[in-house]
Amino acid sequence: IERAYRTAAAAHDGQTRKSGEPYVHHPLAVATIVARQGLDDVTVGAALLHDAIEDTKIHLEDLERDFGSEVATIVEGVTKLDRLSFDTREDQAASMRKMLVAVAKDLRVLVIKLADRLHNMRTLAALPEHKQERTAQETLDIYAPLAHRLGMQEVKVQLEDLALAT
């Protein structure tokens, strides 16, 4: 976990979020949410590195070499989910949830994705209003029901509360 944090901090050095805070705060917050769900060190490490492939110069091969195939596979799964785009009309939400589960061969990928969404919802105010509304609707249609189906009630309630507040 410490090595993963150091790697994430170095990889995201100089990057900031829309809020202006250092980018590394995001993977650290996601890893904290994952750890509070009681997941293992591999999952917490993958949560710290979940944006590394997409947003930094780190490659999947680097993660596999430095952290093992399990961490690399989880990070790759989260990256693939990040590339999915959703049309959040209610009639398509159920099929999108099923596709998410199908794409994530490892349940830990979904847990990290839900933690990622939860932290993004907590920091939503930094985005323009139209993006806030779209993200909140997507959260209600897809992510909160997914958290419910995975038995992550606390995450589900927080996602719904944040989305409804938006």
N, C-alpha and C. Protein backbone atom coordinates (compact mmCIF):
# COMPACT_ATOMS: atom_id res chain seq x y z
N ILE A 1 0.84 -1.19 0.00
CA ILE A 1 0.00 0.00 0.00
C ILE A 1 0.88 1.25 0.00
N GLU A 2 1.94 1.23 0.80
CA GLU A 2 2.83 2.39 0.83
C GLU A 2 3.52 2.61 -0.52
N ARG A 3 3.97 1.52 -1.13
CA ARG A 3 4.60 1.63 -2.45
C ARG A 3 3.61 2.14 -3.48
N ALA A 4 2.38 1.65 -3.41
CA ALA A 4 1.35 2.09 -4.35
C ALA A 4 1.07 3.58 -4.16
N TYR A 5 1.03 4.04 -2.91
CA TYR A 5 0.80 5.46 -2.66
C TYR A 5 1.95 6.29 -3.23
N ARG A 6 3.18 5.87 -2.95
CA ARG A 6 4.34 6.62 -3.46
C ARG A 6 4.33 6.66 -4.99
N THR A 7 3.98 5.54 -5.60
CA THR A 7 3.91 5.49 -7.07
C THR A 7 2.83 6.42 -7.59
N ALA A 8 1.64 6.39 -6.97
CA ALA A 8 0.54 7.27 -7.39
C ALA A 8 0.91 8.73 -7.19
N ALA A 9 1.52 9.06 -6.05
CA ALA A 9 1.90 10.45 -5.77
C ALA A 9 2.91 10.95 -6.80
N ALA A 10 3.90 10.12 -7.12
CA ALA A 10 4.90 10.51 -8.11
C ALA A 10 4.28 10.63 -9.51
N ALA A 11 3.41 9.69 -9.86
CA ALA A 11 2.80 9.69 -11.20
C ALA A 11 1.87 10.88 -11.40
N HIS A 12 1.16 11.27 -10.34
CA HIS A 12 0.21 12.38 -10.45
C HIS A 12 0.81 13.72 -10.03
N ASP A 13 2.13 13.74 -9.77
CA ASP A 13 2.79 14.96 -9.34
C ASP A 13 2.55 16.09 -10.35
N GLY A 14 2.11 17.21 -9.84
CA GLY A 14 1.85 18.37 -10.71
C GLY A 14 0.45 18.40 -11.28
N GLN A 15 -0.30 17.32 -11.17
CA GLN A 15 -1.68 17.29 -11.67
C GLN A 15 -2.62 17.82 -10.59
N THR A 16 -3.64 18.54 -11.03
CA THR A 16 -4.66 19.03 -10.09
C THR A 16 -6.03 18.65 -10.60
N ARG A 17 -6.97 18.62 -9.67
CA ARG A 17 -8.37 18.37 -10.01
C ARG A 17 -9.03 19.70 -10.33
N LYS A 18 -10.25 19.65 -10.84
CA LYS A 18 -10.99 20.88 -11.17
C LYS A 18 -11.10 21.80 -9.96
N SER A 19 -11.13 21.20 -8.76
CA SER A 19 -11.24 21.98 -7.53
C SER A 19 -9.95 22.71 -7.19
N GLY A 20 -8.85 22.34 -7.86
CA GLY A 20 -7.56 22.95 -7.59
C GLY A 20 -6.70 22.14 -6.64
N GLU A 21 -7.27 21.13 -6.00
CA GLU A 21 -6.49 20.32 -5.07
C GLU A 21 -5.58 19.37 -5.85
N PRO A 22 -4.47 18.94 -5.23
CA PRO A 22 -3.57 17.98 -5.90
C PRO A 22 -4.34 16.72 -6.29
N TYR A 23 -4.07 16.20 -7.48
CA TYR A 23 -4.82 15.06 -7.99
C TYR A 23 -4.69 13.83 -7.10
N VAL A 24 -3.54 13.65 -6.46
CA VAL A 24 -3.31 12.45 -5.66
C VAL A 24 -4.33 12.34 -4.52
N HIS A 25 -4.97 13.43 -4.13
CA HIS A 25 -6.02 13.35 -3.10
C HIS A 25 -7.15 12.43 -3.54
N HIS A 26 -7.44 12.40 -4.82
CA HIS A 26 -8.53 11.56 -5.32
C HIS A 26 -8.23 10.07 -5.14
N PRO A 27 -7.12 9.53 -5.68
CA PRO A 27 -6.88 8.10 -5.46
C PRO A 27 -6.71 7.76 -3.98
N LEU A 28 -6.20 8.68 -3.19
CA LEU A 28 -6.08 8.43 -1.75
C LEU A 28 -7.46 8.32 -1.11
N ALA A 29 -8.38 9.19 -1.51
CA ALA A 29 -9.74 9.14 -0.98
C ALA A 29 -10.45 7.85 -1.42
N VAL A 30 -10.26 7.45 -2.68
CA VAL A 30 -10.86 6.22 -3.18
C VAL A 30 -10.31 5.02 -2.41
N ALA A 31 -9.01 5.00 -2.18
CA ALA A 31 -8.39 3.89 -1.43
C ALA A 31 -8.90 3.87 0.01
N THR A 32 -9.14 5.02 0.59
CA THR A 32 -9.67 5.08 1.95
C THR A 32 -11.08 4.51 2.01
N ILE A 33 -11.90 4.84 1.03
CA ILE A 33 -13.27 4.29 0.96
C ILE A 33 -13.20 2.77 0.83
N VAL A 34 -12.33 2.28 -0.05
CA VAL A 34 -12.17 0.84 -0.26
C VAL A 34 -11.69 0.16 1.03
N ALA A 35 -10.73 0.76 1.70
CA ALA A 35 -10.22 0.18 2.95
C ALA A 35 -11.32 0.13 4.01
N ARG A 36 -12.15 1.17 4.07
CA ARG A 36 -13.25 1.19 5.04
C ARG A 36 -14.31 0.14 4.73
N GLN A 37 -14.32 -0.35 3.50
CA GLN A 37 -15.23 -1.43 3.14
C GLN A 37 -14.65 -2.79 3.57
N GLY A 38 -13.42 -2.76 4.06
CA GLY A 38 -12.81 -3.98 4.58
C GLY A 38 -12.07 -4.81 3.55
N LEU A 39 -11.72 -4.20 2.42
CA LEU A 39 -11.01 -4.97 1.40
C LEU A 39 -9.53 -5.10 1.70
N ASP A 40 -8.88 -6.01 0.99
CA ASP A 40 -7.49 -6.37 1.25
C ASP A 40 -6.50 -5.37 0.68
N ASP A 41 -5.20 -5.62 0.99
CA ASP A 41 -4.14 -4.71 0.57
C ASP A 41 -4.00 -4.64 -0.96
N VAL A 42 -4.27 -5.71 -1.64
CA VAL A 42 -4.20 -5.70 -3.11
C VAL A 42 -5.23 -4.72 -3.67
N THR A 43 -6.44 -4.77 -3.14
CA THR A 43 -7.51 -3.89 -3.62
C THR A 43 -7.24 -2.44 -3.25
N VAL A 44 -6.75 -2.20 -2.06
CA VAL A 44 -6.42 -0.83 -1.65
C VAL A 44 -5.29 -0.29 -2.53
N GLY A 45 -4.29 -1.11 -2.79
CA GLY A 45 -3.21 -0.70 -3.68
C GLY A 45 -3.72 -0.39 -5.08
N ALA A 46 -4.60 -1.23 -5.59
CA ALA A 46 -5.19 -1.00 -6.92
C ALA A 46 -6.02 0.28 -6.92
N ALA A 47 -6.70 0.56 -5.82
CA ALA A 47 -7.49 1.80 -5.73
C ALA A 47 -6.58 3.02 -5.79
N LEU A 48 -5.43 2.94 -5.14
CA LEU A 48 -4.48 4.05 -5.20
C LEU A 48 -3.97 4.28 -6.63
N LEU A 49 -3.90 3.21 -7.39
CA LEU A 49 -3.34 3.28 -8.75
C LEU A 49 -4.42 3.30 -9.84
N HIS A 50 -5.70 3.42 -9.45
CA HIS A 50 -6.77 3.20 -10.41
C HIS A 50 -6.78 4.17 -11.59
N ASP A 51 -6.23 5.36 -11.44
CA ASP A 51 -6.18 6.32 -12.55
C ASP A 51 -4.82 6.39 -13.22
N ALA A 52 -3.88 5.59 -12.77
CA ALA A 52 -2.50 5.72 -13.24
C ALA A 52 -2.34 5.45 -14.72
N ILE A 53 -3.00 4.43 -15.24
CA ILE A 53 -2.83 4.07 -16.65
C ILE A 53 -3.41 5.14 -17.55
N GLU A 54 -4.56 5.65 -17.17
CA GLU A 54 -5.26 6.58 -18.04
C GLU A 54 -4.73 8.02 -17.95
N ASP A 55 -4.28 8.41 -16.76
CA ASP A 55 -3.96 9.82 -16.54
C ASP A 55 -2.48 10.14 -16.36
N THR A 56 -1.61 9.12 -16.42
CA THR A 56 -0.18 9.36 -16.21
C THR A 56 0.63 8.60 -17.26
N LYS A 57 1.93 8.65 -17.10
CA LYS A 57 2.82 7.95 -18.04
C LYS A 57 3.06 6.50 -17.66
N ILE A 58 2.39 6.03 -16.62
CA ILE A 58 2.54 4.64 -16.19
C ILE A 58 1.77 3.73 -17.15
N HIS A 59 2.37 2.61 -17.48
CA HIS A 59 1.75 1.63 -18.37
C HIS A 59 1.33 0.40 -17.57
N LEU A 60 0.42 -0.36 -18.12
CA LEU A 60 -0.05 -1.58 -17.47
C LEU A 60 1.12 -2.51 -17.15
N GLU A 61 2.07 -2.59 -18.05
CA GLU A 61 3.23 -3.45 -17.84
C GLU A 61 4.03 -3.02 -16.61
N ASP A 62 4.10 -1.69 -16.37
CA ASP A 62 4.80 -1.18 -15.19
C ASP A 62 4.12 -1.66 -13.92
N LEU A 63 2.80 -1.59 -13.90
CA LEU A 63 2.04 -2.03 -12.72
C LEU A 63 2.22 -3.52 -12.49
N GLU A 64 2.18 -4.27 -13.57
CA GLU A 64 2.33 -5.72 -13.45
C GLU A 64 3.72 -6.08 -12.90
N ARG A 65 4.73 -5.41 -13.41
CA ARG A 65 6.10 -5.65 -12.96
C ARG A 65 6.29 -5.24 -11.49
N ASP A 66 5.76 -4.09 -11.12
CA ASP A 66 6.02 -3.54 -9.79
C ASP A 66 5.06 -4.02 -8.71
N PHE A 67 3.82 -4.40 -9.11
CA PHE A 67 2.80 -4.74 -8.11
C PHE A 67 2.15 -6.10 -8.33
N GLY A 68 2.48 -6.76 -9.43
CA GLY A 68 1.92 -8.07 -9.69
C GLY A 68 0.73 -8.03 -10.62
N SER A 69 0.40 -9.20 -11.14
CA SER A 69 -0.67 -9.29 -12.14
C SER A 69 -2.04 -9.01 -11.55
N GLU A 70 -2.24 -9.32 -10.27
CA GLU A 70 -3.55 -9.10 -9.66
C GLU A 70 -3.89 -7.61 -9.60
N VAL A 71 -2.96 -6.79 -9.12
CA VAL A 71 -3.18 -5.34 -9.07
C VAL A 71 -3.36 -4.80 -10.49
N ALA A 72 -2.50 -5.23 -11.40
CA ALA A 72 -2.57 -4.75 -12.78
C ALA A 72 -3.92 -5.09 -13.42
N THR A 73 -4.41 -6.28 -13.18
CA THR A 73 -5.70 -6.71 -13.75
C THR A 73 -6.85 -5.87 -13.19
N ILE A 74 -6.81 -5.60 -11.90
CA ILE A 74 -7.87 -4.78 -11.29
C ILE A 74 -7.82 -3.36 -11.87
N VAL A 75 -6.65 -2.76 -11.93
CA VAL A 75 -6.52 -1.40 -12.47
C VAL A 75 -6.98 -1.37 -13.92
N GLU A 76 -6.61 -2.38 -14.69
CA GLU A 76 -7.04 -2.44 -16.09
C GLU A 76 -8.56 -2.53 -16.17
N GLY A 77 -9.18 -3.29 -15.29
CA GLY A 77 -10.64 -3.40 -15.27
C GLY A 77 -11.31 -2.08 -14.96
N VAL A 78 -10.78 -1.34 -13.99
CA VAL A 78 -11.34 -0.03 -13.65
C VAL A 78 -11.16 0.92 -14.84
N THR A 79 -10.02 0.86 -15.48
CA THR A 79 -9.76 1.71 -16.65
C THR A 79 -10.75 1.41 -17.77
N LYS A 80 -11.05 0.13 -18.00
CA LYS A 80 -12.03 -0.23 -19.03
C LYS A 80 -13.41 0.30 -18.67
N LEU A 81 -13.78 0.23 -17.41
CA LEU A 81 -15.09 0.76 -16.99
C LEU A 81 -15.13 2.27 -17.18
N ASP A 82 -14.02 2.95 -16.93
CA ASP A 82 -13.97 4.41 -17.10
C ASP A 82 -14.21 4.81 -18.54
N ARG A 83 -13.91 3.91 -19.46
CA ARG A 83 -14.07 4.23 -20.89
C ARG A 83 -15.49 4.01 -21.40
N LEU A 84 -16.33 3.36 -20.57
CA LEU A 84 -17.72 3.17 -20.97
C LEU A 84 -18.46 4.49 -20.83
N SER A 85 -19.31 4.77 -21.79
CA SER A 85 -20.15 5.96 -21.65
C SER A 85 -21.59 5.49 -21.49
N PHE A 86 -22.32 6.22 -20.70
CA PHE A 86 -23.66 5.81 -20.35
C PHE A 86 -24.70 6.79 -20.86
N ASP A 87 -25.77 6.25 -21.37
CA ASP A 87 -26.96 7.02 -21.65
C ASP A 87 -27.88 6.68 -20.49
N THR A 88 -28.15 7.62 -19.63
CA THR A 88 -28.79 7.29 -18.36
C THR A 88 -30.31 7.29 -18.43
N ARG A 89 -30.89 7.20 -19.58
CA ARG A 89 -32.34 7.05 -19.63
C ARG A 89 -32.73 5.82 -18.85
N GLU A 90 -33.79 5.91 -18.10
CA GLU A 90 -34.17 4.85 -17.15
C GLU A 90 -34.32 3.48 -17.81
N ASP A 91 -34.83 3.44 -19.05
CA ASP A 91 -35.02 2.14 -19.70
C ASP A 91 -33.70 1.45 -20.04
N GLN A 92 -32.60 2.18 -20.07
CA GLN A 92 -31.31 1.58 -20.38
C GLN A 92 -30.46 1.35 -19.14
N ALA A 93 -30.86 1.89 -17.99
CA ALA A 93 -30.04 1.79 -16.78
C ALA A 93 -29.82 0.35 -16.36
N ALA A 94 -30.86 -0.47 -16.40
CA ALA A 94 -30.71 -1.86 -15.97
C ALA A 94 -29.73 -2.61 -16.87
N SER A 95 -29.80 -2.40 -18.16
CA SER A 95 -28.88 -3.09 -19.06
C SER A 95 -27.45 -2.57 -18.86
N MET A 96 -27.30 -1.31 -18.52
CA MET A 96 -25.97 -0.77 -18.27
C MET A 96 -25.38 -1.38 -17.00
N ARG A 97 -26.20 -1.57 -15.97
CA ARG A 97 -25.72 -2.20 -14.74
C ARG A 97 -25.27 -3.63 -15.03
N LYS A 98 -26.05 -4.35 -15.84
CA LYS A 98 -25.68 -5.72 -16.19
C LYS A 98 -24.37 -5.74 -16.98
N MET A 99 -24.20 -4.77 -17.87
CA MET A 99 -22.97 -4.70 -18.65
C MET A 99 -21.78 -4.41 -17.74
N LEU A 100 -21.95 -3.51 -16.76
CA LEU A 100 -20.89 -3.22 -15.81
C LEU A 100 -20.43 -4.49 -15.11
N VAL A 101 -21.38 -5.26 -14.63
CA VAL A 101 -21.05 -6.49 -13.92
C VAL A 101 -20.36 -7.47 -14.86
N ALA A 102 -20.82 -7.56 -16.09
CA ALA A 102 -20.21 -8.48 -17.06
C ALA A 102 -18.78 -8.06 -17.40
N VAL A 103 -18.55 -6.77 -17.56
CA VAL A 103 -17.23 -6.27 -17.93
C VAL A 103 -16.24 -6.46 -16.79
N ALA A 104 -16.72 -6.27 -15.56
CA ALA A 104 -15.85 -6.41 -14.39
C ALA A 104 -15.78 -7.89 -13.99
N LYS A 105 -14.73 -8.55 -14.42
CA LYS A 105 -14.59 -9.98 -14.11
C LYS A 105 -14.23 -10.19 -12.65
N ASP A 106 -13.78 -9.15 -12.01
CA ASP A 106 -13.38 -9.22 -10.61
C ASP A 106 -14.24 -8.21 -9.85
N LEU A 107 -14.94 -8.68 -8.85
CA LEU A 107 -15.84 -7.83 -8.08
C LEU A 107 -15.13 -6.62 -7.50
N ARG A 108 -13.85 -6.76 -7.22
CA ARG A 108 -13.08 -5.65 -6.65
C ARG A 108 -13.03 -4.45 -7.60
N VAL A 109 -13.11 -4.72 -8.90
CA VAL A 109 -13.14 -3.64 -9.89
C VAL A 109 -14.37 -2.77 -9.64
N LEU A 110 -15.51 -3.42 -9.42
CA LEU A 110 -16.75 -2.66 -9.18
C LEU A 110 -16.70 -1.90 -7.86
N VAL A 111 -16.10 -2.50 -6.85
CA VAL A 111 -15.99 -1.81 -5.56
C VAL A 111 -15.15 -0.54 -5.72
N ILE A 112 -14.04 -0.64 -6.44
CA ILE A 112 -13.20 0.54 -6.67
C ILE A 112 -13.97 1.57 -7.51
N LYS A 113 -14.69 1.11 -8.52
CA LYS A 113 -15.46 2.05 -9.35
C LYS A 113 -16.52 2.77 -8.52
N LEU A 114 -17.18 2.05 -7.63
CA LEU A 114 -18.17 2.69 -6.76
C LEU A 114 -17.51 3.68 -5.81
N ALA A 115 -16.35 3.34 -5.27
CA ALA A 115 -15.62 4.27 -4.40
C ALA A 115 -15.18 5.50 -5.18
N ASP A 116 -14.75 5.29 -6.42
CA ASP A 116 -14.37 6.39 -7.31
C ASP A 116 -15.56 7.32 -7.54
N ARG A 117 -16.71 6.75 -7.83
CA ARG A 117 -17.90 7.56 -8.05
C ARG A 117 -18.29 8.30 -6.78
N LEU A 118 -18.20 7.65 -5.63
CA LEU A 118 -18.56 8.29 -4.37
C LEU A 118 -17.67 9.50 -4.11
N HIS A 119 -16.37 9.36 -4.30
CA HIS A 119 -15.51 10.52 -4.09
C HIS A 119 -15.79 11.60 -5.12
N ASN A 120 -16.02 11.22 -6.36
CA ASN A 120 -16.36 12.22 -7.38
C ASN A 120 -17.66 12.95 -7.03
N MET A 121 -18.62 12.25 -6.46
CA MET A 121 -19.86 12.90 -6.04
C MET A 121 -19.61 13.85 -4.88
N ARG A 122 -18.71 13.50 -4.00
CA ARG A 122 -18.39 14.37 -2.86
C ARG A 122 -17.73 15.66 -3.31
N THR A 123 -17.09 15.64 -4.48
CA THR A 123 -16.37 16.81 -4.98
C THR A 123 -17.02 17.40 -6.23
N LEU A 124 -18.27 17.10 -6.44
CA LEU A 124 -18.99 17.47 -7.66
C LEU A 124 -19.12 18.97 -7.87
N ALA A 125 -19.12 19.74 -6.81
CA ALA A 125 -19.34 21.18 -6.91
C ALA A 125 -18.31 21.89 -7.78
N ALA A 126 -17.16 21.27 -8.00
CA ALA A 126 -16.12 21.89 -8.82
C ALA A 126 -16.45 21.86 -10.31
N LEU A 127 -17.46 21.07 -10.71
CA LEU A 127 -17.82 20.95 -12.13
C LEU A 127 -18.90 21.94 -12.51
N PRO A 128 -19.02 22.23 -13.81
CA PRO A 128 -20.13 23.08 -14.27
C PRO A 128 -21.48 22.43 -13.95
N GLU A 129 -22.50 23.23 -13.81
CA GLU A 129 -23.81 22.73 -13.38
C GLU A 129 -24.36 21.63 -14.28
N HIS A 130 -24.22 21.75 -15.60
CA HIS A 130 -24.77 20.73 -16.50
C HIS A 130 -24.06 19.38 -16.30
N LYS A 131 -22.76 19.40 -16.01
CA LYS A 131 -22.05 18.14 -15.75
C LYS A 131 -22.43 17.57 -14.38
N GLN A 132 -22.68 18.45 -13.42
CA GLN A 132 -23.14 17.99 -12.11
C GLN A 132 -24.46 17.25 -12.25
N GLU A 133 -25.38 17.83 -13.00
CA GLU A 133 -26.71 17.22 -13.18
C GLU A 133 -26.61 15.88 -13.91
N ARG A 134 -25.81 15.83 -14.96
CA ARG A 134 -25.64 14.58 -15.71
C ARG A 134 -25.02 13.49 -14.83
N THR A 135 -23.99 13.87 -14.08
CA THR A 135 -23.31 12.91 -13.20
C THR A 135 -24.24 12.43 -12.09
N ALA A 136 -25.02 13.34 -11.54
CA ALA A 136 -25.97 12.97 -10.48
C ALA A 136 -27.03 12.01 -11.01
N GLN A 137 -27.54 12.25 -12.20
CA GLN A 137 -28.54 11.37 -12.78
C GLN A 137 -27.97 9.99 -13.07
N GLU A 138 -26.77 9.96 -13.62
CA GLU A 138 -26.08 8.70 -13.89
C GLU A 138 -25.85 7.93 -12.58
N THR A 139 -25.52 8.64 -11.54
CA THR A 139 -25.31 8.02 -10.23
C THR A 139 -26.59 7.38 -9.73
N LEU A 140 -27.72 8.09 -9.85
CA LEU A 140 -29.01 7.54 -9.41
C LEU A 140 -29.45 6.35 -10.26
N ASP A 141 -29.21 6.43 -11.56
CA ASP A 141 -29.69 5.40 -12.48
C ASP A 141 -28.83 4.14 -12.46
N ILE A 142 -27.52 4.30 -12.27
CA ILE A 142 -26.60 3.17 -12.46
C ILE A 142 -25.85 2.80 -11.19
N TYR A 143 -25.16 3.76 -10.59
CA TYR A 143 -24.23 3.42 -9.51
C TYR A 143 -24.90 3.13 -8.17
N ALA A 144 -25.89 3.90 -7.78
CA ALA A 144 -26.57 3.61 -6.50
C ALA A 144 -27.26 2.24 -6.55
N PRO A 145 -27.99 1.90 -7.62
CA PRO A 145 -28.58 0.55 -7.68
C PRO A 145 -27.52 -0.56 -7.71
N LEU A 146 -26.39 -0.30 -8.34
CA LEU A 146 -25.32 -1.28 -8.36
C LEU A 146 -24.76 -1.50 -6.94
N ALA A 147 -24.55 -0.42 -6.21
CA ALA A 147 -24.09 -0.53 -4.82
C ALA A 147 -25.10 -1.33 -4.00
N HIS A 148 -26.38 -1.08 -4.24
CA HIS A 148 -27.43 -1.82 -3.53
C HIS A 148 -27.33 -3.32 -3.82
N ARG A 149 -27.16 -3.66 -5.09
CA ARG A 149 -27.08 -5.08 -5.48
C ARG A 149 -25.82 -5.76 -4.92
N LEU A 150 -24.79 -4.98 -4.67
CA LEU A 150 -23.57 -5.55 -4.11
C LEU A 150 -23.59 -5.55 -2.58
N GLY A 151 -24.68 -5.08 -2.00
CA GLY A 151 -24.81 -5.07 -0.55
C GLY A 151 -24.03 -3.96 0.13
N MET A 152 -23.69 -2.93 -0.62
CA MET A 152 -22.93 -1.80 -0.08
C MET A 152 -23.91 -0.68 0.26
N GLN A 153 -24.69 -0.91 1.30
CA GLN A 153 -25.79 0.01 1.64
C GLN A 153 -25.31 1.41 2.00
N GLU A 154 -24.24 1.50 2.77
CA GLU A 154 -23.74 2.82 3.17
C GLU A 154 -23.32 3.63 1.94
N VAL A 155 -22.65 2.97 1.00
CA VAL A 155 -22.23 3.64 -0.24
C VAL A 155 -23.46 4.02 -1.05
N LYS A 156 -24.43 3.13 -1.15
CA LYS A 156 -25.66 3.41 -1.89
C LYS A 156 -26.36 4.65 -1.33
N VAL A 157 -26.52 4.69 -0.03
CA VAL A 157 -27.22 5.83 0.62
C VAL A 157 -26.45 7.13 0.37
N GLN A 158 -25.14 7.08 0.51
CA GLN A 158 -24.35 8.31 0.27
C GLN A 158 -24.46 8.76 -1.18
N LEU A 159 -24.39 7.81 -2.11
CA LEU A 159 -24.53 8.16 -3.53
C LEU A 159 -25.88 8.81 -3.80
N GLU A 160 -26.94 8.21 -3.27
CA GLU A 160 -28.27 8.77 -3.47
C GLU A 160 -28.40 10.15 -2.84
N ASP A 161 -27.93 10.30 -1.61
CA ASP A 161 -28.04 11.58 -0.93
C ASP A 161 -27.29 12.68 -1.69
N LEU A 162 -26.08 12.38 -2.13
CA LEU A 162 -25.30 13.37 -2.87
C LEU A 162 -25.95 13.71 -4.22
N ALA A 163 -26.45 12.67 -4.90
CA ALA A 163 -27.10 12.89 -6.20
C ALA A 163 -28.37 13.71 -6.04
N LEU A 164 -29.17 13.38 -5.07
CA LEU A 164 -30.41 14.11 -4.86
C LEU A 164 -30.16 15.56 -4.43
N ALA A 165 -29.12 15.77 -3.66
CA ALA A 165 -28.77 17.14 -3.27
C ALA A 165 -28.39 17.97 -4.49
N THR A 166 -27.74 17.33 -5.44
CA THR A 166 -27.36 18.03 -6.68
C THR A 166 -28.58 18.33 -7.51
